[in-house]
N, C-alpha and C. Protein backbone atom coordinates (compact mmCIF):
# COMPACT_ATOMS: atom_id res chain seq x y z
N MET A 1 32.82 7.42 -175.54
CA MET A 1 32.50 7.09 -176.92
C MET A 1 33.82 6.94 -177.68
N ALA A 2 33.88 5.97 -178.52
CA ALA A 2 35.11 5.66 -179.25
C ALA A 2 35.33 6.60 -180.43
N ASP A 3 36.56 6.69 -180.84
CA ASP A 3 36.96 7.42 -182.04
C ASP A 3 36.65 6.55 -183.26
N ALA A 4 36.12 7.14 -184.32
CA ALA A 4 35.72 6.37 -185.51
C ALA A 4 36.89 5.62 -186.14
N ILE A 5 38.08 6.22 -186.15
CA ILE A 5 39.24 5.52 -186.73
C ILE A 5 39.60 4.31 -185.88
N ASP A 6 39.54 4.45 -184.54
CA ASP A 6 39.81 3.30 -183.67
C ASP A 6 38.79 2.19 -183.90
N VAL A 7 37.52 2.55 -184.06
CA VAL A 7 36.49 1.56 -184.32
C VAL A 7 36.74 0.89 -185.68
N ALA A 8 37.12 1.67 -186.67
CA ALA A 8 37.41 1.11 -188.00
C ALA A 8 38.56 0.11 -187.92
N ARG A 9 39.61 0.45 -187.21
CA ARG A 9 40.73 -0.49 -187.05
C ARG A 9 40.29 -1.75 -186.31
N HIS A 10 39.41 -1.58 -185.34
CA HIS A 10 38.88 -2.72 -184.59
C HIS A 10 38.04 -3.61 -185.51
N ILE A 11 37.23 -3.00 -186.37
CA ILE A 11 36.45 -3.77 -187.34
C ILE A 11 37.38 -4.58 -188.24
N LEU A 12 38.45 -3.96 -188.69
CA LEU A 12 39.44 -4.69 -189.50
C LEU A 12 40.01 -5.88 -188.71
N HIS A 13 40.33 -5.65 -187.46
CA HIS A 13 40.87 -6.72 -186.60
C HIS A 13 39.87 -7.87 -186.48
N LYS A 14 38.61 -7.53 -186.19
CA LYS A 14 37.58 -8.56 -186.03
C LYS A 14 37.30 -9.28 -187.35
N ALA A 15 37.33 -8.55 -188.45
CA ALA A 15 37.12 -9.17 -189.76
C ALA A 15 38.24 -10.17 -190.06
N GLN A 16 39.47 -9.80 -189.76
CA GLN A 16 40.60 -10.71 -189.98
C GLN A 16 40.43 -11.98 -189.15
N GLU A 17 39.97 -11.83 -187.90
CA GLU A 17 39.74 -13.00 -187.04
C GLU A 17 38.71 -13.95 -187.67
N LYS A 18 37.75 -13.40 -188.39
CA LYS A 18 36.70 -14.20 -189.03
C LYS A 18 37.08 -14.62 -190.46
N GLY A 19 38.28 -14.25 -190.90
CA GLY A 19 38.75 -14.67 -192.22
C GLY A 19 38.34 -13.76 -193.36
N PHE A 20 37.88 -12.55 -193.06
CA PHE A 20 37.50 -11.60 -194.10
C PHE A 20 38.59 -10.57 -194.32
N ARG A 21 38.79 -10.22 -195.57
CA ARG A 21 39.67 -9.11 -195.96
C ARG A 21 38.75 -7.99 -196.43
N LEU A 22 39.00 -6.78 -195.99
CA LEU A 22 38.14 -5.66 -196.35
C LEU A 22 38.91 -4.62 -197.13
N ASP A 23 38.25 -4.01 -198.10
CA ASP A 23 38.83 -2.85 -198.79
C ASP A 23 38.24 -1.60 -198.12
N PRO A 24 38.73 -0.42 -198.47
CA PRO A 24 38.23 0.80 -197.81
C PRO A 24 36.71 1.01 -197.94
N MET A 25 36.12 0.67 -199.07
CA MET A 25 34.67 0.85 -199.20
C MET A 25 33.92 -0.10 -198.28
N GLN A 26 34.34 -1.35 -198.23
CA GLN A 26 33.70 -2.31 -197.33
C GLN A 26 33.84 -1.84 -195.88
N LEU A 27 35.01 -1.35 -195.53
CA LEU A 27 35.24 -0.87 -194.17
C LEU A 27 34.29 0.27 -193.83
N GLN A 28 34.12 1.21 -194.75
CA GLN A 28 33.19 2.32 -194.52
C GLN A 28 31.78 1.82 -194.27
N LYS A 29 31.34 0.86 -195.06
CA LYS A 29 29.97 0.38 -194.91
C LYS A 29 29.82 -0.44 -193.63
N MET A 30 30.83 -1.23 -193.27
CA MET A 30 30.80 -1.97 -192.00
C MET A 30 30.74 -1.00 -190.82
N LEU A 31 31.48 0.08 -190.92
CA LEU A 31 31.47 1.11 -189.88
C LEU A 31 30.07 1.72 -189.78
N TYR A 32 29.49 2.04 -190.92
CA TYR A 32 28.14 2.60 -190.95
C TYR A 32 27.11 1.63 -190.38
N PHE A 33 27.14 0.37 -190.82
CA PHE A 33 26.19 -0.61 -190.31
C PHE A 33 26.36 -0.81 -188.81
N SER A 34 27.60 -0.85 -188.34
CA SER A 34 27.85 -1.01 -186.90
C SER A 34 27.27 0.18 -186.13
N HIS A 35 27.50 1.38 -186.64
CA HIS A 35 26.96 2.59 -186.02
C HIS A 35 25.43 2.57 -186.04
N GLY A 36 24.86 2.19 -187.17
CA GLY A 36 23.41 2.15 -187.29
C GLY A 36 22.77 1.14 -186.35
N TRP A 37 23.34 -0.05 -186.30
CA TRP A 37 22.78 -1.07 -185.41
C TRP A 37 23.00 -0.69 -183.95
N MET A 38 24.09 -0.02 -183.64
CA MET A 38 24.31 0.46 -182.27
C MET A 38 23.21 1.45 -181.88
N LEU A 39 22.92 2.38 -182.80
CA LEU A 39 21.84 3.33 -182.54
C LEU A 39 20.49 2.63 -182.44
N GLY A 40 20.23 1.71 -183.35
CA GLY A 40 18.93 1.05 -183.41
C GLY A 40 18.68 0.06 -182.29
N LEU A 41 19.72 -0.62 -181.83
CA LEU A 41 19.55 -1.65 -180.81
C LEU A 41 19.87 -1.16 -179.40
N CYS A 42 20.88 -0.32 -179.28
CA CYS A 42 21.36 0.10 -177.96
C CYS A 42 21.03 1.55 -177.62
N GLU A 43 20.42 2.24 -178.59
CA GLU A 43 19.98 3.62 -178.37
C GLU A 43 21.13 4.59 -178.09
N ARG A 44 22.31 4.28 -178.62
CA ARG A 44 23.44 5.19 -178.45
C ARG A 44 24.36 5.07 -179.65
N PRO A 45 25.04 6.18 -179.98
CA PRO A 45 25.96 6.13 -181.12
C PRO A 45 27.22 5.35 -180.79
N LEU A 46 27.83 4.84 -181.82
CA LEU A 46 29.09 4.10 -181.67
C LEU A 46 30.27 5.06 -181.59
N PHE A 47 30.17 6.18 -182.28
CA PHE A 47 31.22 7.20 -182.29
C PHE A 47 30.55 8.55 -182.47
N SER A 48 31.31 9.62 -182.20
CA SER A 48 30.71 10.96 -182.24
C SER A 48 30.83 11.66 -183.59
N GLU A 49 31.70 11.19 -184.45
CA GLU A 49 31.89 11.85 -185.74
C GLU A 49 30.67 11.67 -186.64
N PRO A 50 30.40 12.66 -187.47
CA PRO A 50 29.22 12.54 -188.34
C PRO A 50 29.43 11.52 -189.46
N VAL A 51 28.34 10.90 -189.84
CA VAL A 51 28.31 10.06 -191.03
C VAL A 51 27.77 10.96 -192.13
N GLU A 52 28.46 10.99 -193.25
CA GLU A 52 28.07 11.88 -194.35
C GLU A 52 27.54 11.08 -195.53
N ALA A 53 26.64 11.70 -196.28
CA ALA A 53 26.07 11.09 -197.48
C ALA A 53 26.93 11.48 -198.67
N TRP A 54 27.72 10.54 -199.15
CA TRP A 54 28.58 10.74 -200.31
C TRP A 54 27.97 9.96 -201.47
N PRO A 55 28.47 10.17 -202.69
CA PRO A 55 27.86 9.49 -203.85
C PRO A 55 27.75 7.97 -203.72
N TYR A 56 28.74 7.30 -203.10
CA TYR A 56 28.71 5.84 -203.01
C TYR A 56 28.22 5.35 -201.65
N GLY A 57 27.53 6.21 -200.93
CA GLY A 57 26.93 5.80 -199.67
C GLY A 57 27.48 6.55 -198.48
N PRO A 58 27.12 6.09 -197.28
CA PRO A 58 27.55 6.73 -196.06
C PRO A 58 29.07 6.61 -195.85
N VAL A 59 29.67 7.72 -195.42
CA VAL A 59 31.12 7.77 -195.22
C VAL A 59 31.42 8.59 -193.96
N VAL A 60 32.39 8.13 -193.19
CA VAL A 60 32.96 8.93 -192.10
C VAL A 60 34.24 9.51 -192.67
N GLU A 61 34.27 10.82 -192.81
CA GLU A 61 35.35 11.48 -193.54
C GLU A 61 36.73 11.19 -192.97
N SER A 62 36.90 11.19 -191.66
CA SER A 62 38.22 10.94 -191.07
C SER A 62 38.72 9.54 -191.44
N VAL A 63 37.81 8.58 -191.49
CA VAL A 63 38.18 7.20 -191.85
C VAL A 63 38.52 7.13 -193.34
N TYR A 64 37.77 7.85 -194.14
CA TYR A 64 38.09 7.92 -195.57
C TYR A 64 39.53 8.40 -195.77
N HIS A 65 39.89 9.50 -195.13
CA HIS A 65 41.24 10.06 -195.31
C HIS A 65 42.32 9.14 -194.75
N GLU A 66 41.99 8.44 -193.69
CA GLU A 66 42.97 7.52 -193.07
C GLU A 66 43.35 6.37 -194.00
N PHE A 67 42.39 5.89 -194.80
CA PHE A 67 42.62 4.67 -195.59
C PHE A 67 42.55 4.87 -197.10
N LYS A 68 42.37 6.10 -197.57
CA LYS A 68 42.18 6.33 -199.00
C LYS A 68 43.39 5.94 -199.85
N ALA A 69 44.57 5.93 -199.28
CA ALA A 69 45.77 5.59 -200.04
C ALA A 69 45.73 4.15 -200.57
N TYR A 70 44.89 3.30 -199.98
CA TYR A 70 44.80 1.91 -200.42
C TYR A 70 43.86 1.72 -201.61
N GLY A 71 43.21 2.79 -202.04
CA GLY A 71 42.33 2.70 -203.20
C GLY A 71 41.26 1.66 -203.01
N SER A 72 41.12 0.76 -203.99
CA SER A 72 40.11 -0.28 -203.90
C SER A 72 40.71 -1.63 -203.49
N GLY A 73 41.98 -1.63 -203.09
CA GLY A 73 42.62 -2.87 -202.68
C GLY A 73 42.31 -3.23 -201.24
N ASP A 74 42.58 -4.48 -200.89
CA ASP A 74 42.38 -4.91 -199.51
C ASP A 74 43.30 -4.14 -198.58
N LEU A 75 42.78 -3.84 -197.41
CA LEU A 75 43.58 -3.16 -196.40
C LEU A 75 44.54 -4.16 -195.78
N PRO A 76 45.79 -3.74 -195.54
CA PRO A 76 46.79 -4.67 -195.00
C PRO A 76 46.53 -4.98 -193.53
N ASP A 77 47.04 -6.14 -193.11
CA ASP A 77 46.90 -6.56 -191.72
C ASP A 77 47.45 -5.51 -190.76
N SER A 78 48.46 -4.79 -191.18
CA SER A 78 49.10 -3.80 -190.30
C SER A 78 48.16 -2.66 -189.90
N GLU A 79 47.06 -2.47 -190.61
CA GLU A 79 46.11 -1.41 -190.28
C GLU A 79 45.10 -1.84 -189.21
N ALA A 80 45.03 -3.14 -188.93
CA ALA A 80 44.06 -3.66 -187.97
C ALA A 80 44.64 -3.58 -186.56
N ARG A 81 43.79 -3.14 -185.63
CA ARG A 81 44.20 -3.07 -184.23
C ARG A 81 42.98 -3.31 -183.35
N GLN A 82 43.19 -4.09 -182.32
CA GLN A 82 42.11 -4.29 -181.36
C GLN A 82 41.97 -3.02 -180.52
N CYS A 83 40.75 -2.62 -180.29
CA CYS A 83 40.45 -1.45 -179.47
C CYS A 83 39.91 -1.97 -178.14
N ASP A 84 40.70 -1.88 -177.09
CA ASP A 84 40.34 -2.48 -175.81
C ASP A 84 39.26 -1.71 -175.06
N GLY A 85 38.99 -0.47 -175.43
CA GLY A 85 38.02 0.33 -174.69
C GLY A 85 36.57 0.11 -175.09
N LEU A 86 36.28 -0.86 -175.95
CA LEU A 86 34.91 -1.08 -176.42
C LEU A 86 34.20 -2.09 -175.54
N ASP A 87 32.98 -1.77 -175.14
CA ASP A 87 32.25 -2.67 -174.25
C ASP A 87 31.68 -3.87 -175.03
N GLU A 88 31.12 -4.80 -174.27
CA GLU A 88 30.65 -6.06 -174.84
C GLU A 88 29.54 -5.85 -175.87
N SER A 89 28.64 -4.89 -175.66
CA SER A 89 27.56 -4.67 -176.62
C SER A 89 28.11 -4.21 -177.96
N ILE A 90 29.15 -3.38 -177.94
CA ILE A 90 29.78 -2.93 -179.18
C ILE A 90 30.42 -4.10 -179.91
N ASN A 91 31.15 -4.91 -179.17
CA ASN A 91 31.80 -6.06 -179.80
C ASN A 91 30.79 -7.03 -180.39
N LYS A 92 29.67 -7.23 -179.71
CA LYS A 92 28.64 -8.13 -180.24
C LYS A 92 28.06 -7.59 -181.54
N ILE A 93 27.79 -6.30 -181.57
CA ILE A 93 27.24 -5.70 -182.79
C ILE A 93 28.25 -5.79 -183.93
N ILE A 94 29.50 -5.46 -183.67
CA ILE A 94 30.54 -5.53 -184.71
C ILE A 94 30.68 -6.97 -185.22
N ASP A 95 30.68 -7.93 -184.31
CA ASP A 95 30.77 -9.34 -184.72
C ASP A 95 29.60 -9.73 -185.62
N GLN A 96 28.40 -9.31 -185.27
CA GLN A 96 27.22 -9.63 -186.07
C GLN A 96 27.27 -8.95 -187.44
N VAL A 97 27.68 -7.68 -187.46
CA VAL A 97 27.78 -6.95 -188.72
C VAL A 97 28.77 -7.64 -189.65
N ILE A 98 29.90 -8.03 -189.14
CA ILE A 98 30.91 -8.71 -189.96
C ILE A 98 30.37 -10.06 -190.45
N SER A 99 29.73 -10.81 -189.57
CA SER A 99 29.19 -12.12 -189.96
C SER A 99 28.12 -11.99 -191.04
N ILE A 100 27.29 -10.96 -190.95
CA ILE A 100 26.19 -10.80 -191.90
C ILE A 100 26.65 -10.15 -193.20
N TYR A 101 27.41 -9.07 -193.10
CA TYR A 101 27.74 -8.26 -194.26
C TYR A 101 29.14 -8.50 -194.83
N GLY A 102 29.99 -9.23 -194.11
CA GLY A 102 31.38 -9.39 -194.51
C GLY A 102 31.59 -10.09 -195.84
N LYS A 103 30.62 -10.85 -196.29
CA LYS A 103 30.76 -11.59 -197.55
C LYS A 103 30.46 -10.74 -198.78
N TYR A 104 29.95 -9.53 -198.58
CA TYR A 104 29.55 -8.69 -199.70
C TYR A 104 30.65 -7.71 -200.11
N SER A 105 30.72 -7.46 -201.40
CA SER A 105 31.68 -6.49 -201.94
C SER A 105 31.26 -5.07 -201.57
N GLY A 106 32.19 -4.15 -201.71
CA GLY A 106 31.89 -2.75 -201.47
C GLY A 106 30.73 -2.23 -202.30
N PRO A 107 30.71 -2.49 -203.62
CA PRO A 107 29.57 -2.01 -204.42
C PRO A 107 28.22 -2.60 -203.99
N ILE A 108 28.19 -3.85 -203.58
CA ILE A 108 26.93 -4.43 -203.11
C ILE A 108 26.51 -3.77 -201.79
N LEU A 109 27.46 -3.58 -200.89
CA LEU A 109 27.15 -2.91 -199.62
C LEU A 109 26.68 -1.48 -199.88
N SER A 110 27.32 -0.81 -200.81
CA SER A 110 26.91 0.54 -201.18
C SER A 110 25.47 0.53 -201.67
N GLY A 111 25.13 -0.45 -202.51
CA GLY A 111 23.77 -0.57 -203.00
C GLY A 111 22.77 -0.77 -201.87
N MET A 112 23.15 -1.53 -200.85
CA MET A 112 22.27 -1.73 -199.70
C MET A 112 21.99 -0.40 -199.00
N THR A 113 22.99 0.45 -198.94
CA THR A 113 22.81 1.73 -198.25
C THR A 113 21.98 2.71 -199.07
N HIS A 114 21.79 2.40 -200.36
CA HIS A 114 21.03 3.29 -201.25
C HIS A 114 19.55 2.89 -201.38
N GLU A 115 19.12 1.90 -200.62
CA GLU A 115 17.73 1.46 -200.73
C GLU A 115 16.76 2.60 -200.45
N LYS A 116 15.57 2.48 -200.99
CA LYS A 116 14.53 3.49 -200.80
C LYS A 116 14.27 3.69 -199.31
N GLU A 117 14.20 4.95 -198.92
CA GLU A 117 13.95 5.37 -197.54
C GLU A 117 15.12 5.14 -196.60
N SER A 118 16.28 4.69 -197.11
CA SER A 118 17.46 4.54 -196.25
C SER A 118 17.91 5.92 -195.78
N PRO A 119 18.68 5.98 -194.70
CA PRO A 119 19.19 7.28 -194.25
C PRO A 119 19.98 8.01 -195.34
N TRP A 120 20.76 7.25 -196.13
CA TRP A 120 21.50 7.89 -197.22
C TRP A 120 20.53 8.49 -198.23
N GLU A 121 19.53 7.71 -198.64
CA GLU A 121 18.58 8.17 -199.65
C GLU A 121 17.77 9.37 -199.14
N GLN A 122 17.46 9.38 -197.86
CA GLN A 122 16.71 10.50 -197.28
C GLN A 122 17.54 11.78 -197.23
N THR A 123 18.87 11.63 -197.16
CA THR A 123 19.76 12.77 -196.96
C THR A 123 20.42 13.25 -198.23
N TYR A 124 20.83 12.33 -199.09
CA TYR A 124 21.63 12.68 -200.26
C TYR A 124 20.78 13.36 -201.31
N LYS A 125 21.10 14.59 -201.61
CA LYS A 125 20.31 15.36 -202.57
C LYS A 125 21.13 15.87 -203.75
N SER A 126 22.43 15.72 -203.66
CA SER A 126 23.29 16.27 -204.72
C SER A 126 24.54 15.42 -204.86
N GLY A 127 25.41 15.80 -205.77
CA GLY A 127 26.67 15.10 -205.96
C GLY A 127 27.77 15.62 -205.07
N TYR A 128 27.42 16.37 -204.06
CA TYR A 128 28.43 16.97 -203.19
C TYR A 128 28.61 16.17 -201.92
N ARG A 129 29.81 16.24 -201.37
CA ARG A 129 30.10 15.60 -200.09
C ARG A 129 29.65 16.51 -198.95
N SER A 130 29.88 16.03 -197.77
CA SER A 130 29.69 16.79 -196.54
C SER A 130 28.24 17.10 -196.22
N VAL A 131 27.34 16.25 -196.61
CA VAL A 131 25.96 16.36 -196.18
C VAL A 131 25.81 15.33 -195.06
N SER A 132 25.74 15.79 -193.82
CA SER A 132 25.66 14.87 -192.68
C SER A 132 24.31 14.18 -192.62
N ILE A 133 24.36 12.90 -192.31
CA ILE A 133 23.15 12.12 -192.06
C ILE A 133 22.93 12.17 -190.55
N SER A 134 21.78 12.64 -190.13
CA SER A 134 21.56 12.78 -188.69
C SER A 134 21.47 11.41 -188.01
N ASN A 135 21.98 11.36 -186.78
CA ASN A 135 21.86 10.13 -186.00
C ASN A 135 20.40 9.77 -185.76
N ALA A 136 19.53 10.76 -185.68
CA ALA A 136 18.10 10.49 -185.48
C ALA A 136 17.53 9.72 -186.67
N VAL A 137 17.92 10.10 -187.88
CA VAL A 137 17.44 9.41 -189.08
C VAL A 137 18.01 8.00 -189.13
N ILE A 138 19.29 7.85 -188.81
CA ILE A 138 19.91 6.52 -188.78
C ILE A 138 19.23 5.66 -187.72
N HIS A 139 19.04 6.22 -186.53
CA HIS A 139 18.38 5.49 -185.44
C HIS A 139 17.01 4.99 -185.86
N ASP A 140 16.20 5.88 -186.39
CA ASP A 140 14.83 5.51 -186.77
C ASP A 140 14.82 4.41 -187.82
N TYR A 141 15.73 4.49 -188.78
CA TYR A 141 15.79 3.50 -189.85
C TYR A 141 16.15 2.12 -189.29
N PHE A 142 17.20 2.07 -188.47
CA PHE A 142 17.63 0.78 -187.93
C PHE A 142 16.64 0.23 -186.90
N ARG A 143 15.96 1.10 -186.16
CA ARG A 143 14.88 0.64 -185.27
C ARG A 143 13.78 0.00 -186.11
N GLY A 144 13.49 0.61 -187.26
CA GLY A 144 12.49 0.04 -188.16
C GLY A 144 12.91 -1.31 -188.70
N LEU A 145 14.19 -1.46 -189.03
CA LEU A 145 14.69 -2.75 -189.49
C LEU A 145 14.54 -3.79 -188.39
N LYS A 146 14.87 -3.40 -187.17
CA LYS A 146 14.73 -4.30 -186.04
C LYS A 146 13.27 -4.71 -185.85
N ALA A 147 12.38 -3.73 -185.86
CA ALA A 147 10.95 -4.00 -185.65
C ALA A 147 10.37 -4.93 -186.71
N SER A 148 10.87 -4.83 -187.93
CA SER A 148 10.36 -5.66 -189.03
C SER A 148 11.17 -6.95 -189.20
N ASN A 149 12.12 -7.17 -188.27
CA ASN A 149 12.99 -8.35 -188.34
C ASN A 149 13.78 -8.45 -189.63
N ARG A 150 14.12 -7.29 -190.19
CA ARG A 150 14.95 -7.24 -191.41
C ARG A 150 16.38 -6.97 -191.01
N ILE A 151 17.28 -7.64 -191.67
CA ILE A 151 18.69 -7.32 -191.47
C ILE A 151 19.08 -6.25 -192.45
N TYR A 152 18.64 -6.38 -193.66
CA TYR A 152 18.78 -5.36 -194.72
C TYR A 152 18.08 -5.83 -195.93
């Protein structure tokens, strides 16, 4: 299983290949969507670190700390790195997530994660961080999206 920071850097790399620039919030949401679709389609997590319910949506804390210095600005090319240890199913999901969600701003992506019955909405109960969203809840939600042919 890959490290969440390595996957985040890989998402940045793939986004750059497709002509997208991402800020830290967009990167967090792309990471979350990739993890969710991996659980929903392939029945396995993308990384082992927990996804937490923060005020602006799902966040992987280690990735937040890695990129927080960039604030709301675009992440520089120097932060992107290809992760060679990812299998073809992971790369396909990341490519699809970037193609579908890459055009949206961080606030719009955050709003998508706040939809009724979303894993974030089911988990987030207060203004505090560090409330983990279970992979089971994420899995069930994305399986439901798949079953209903919804992307989001």
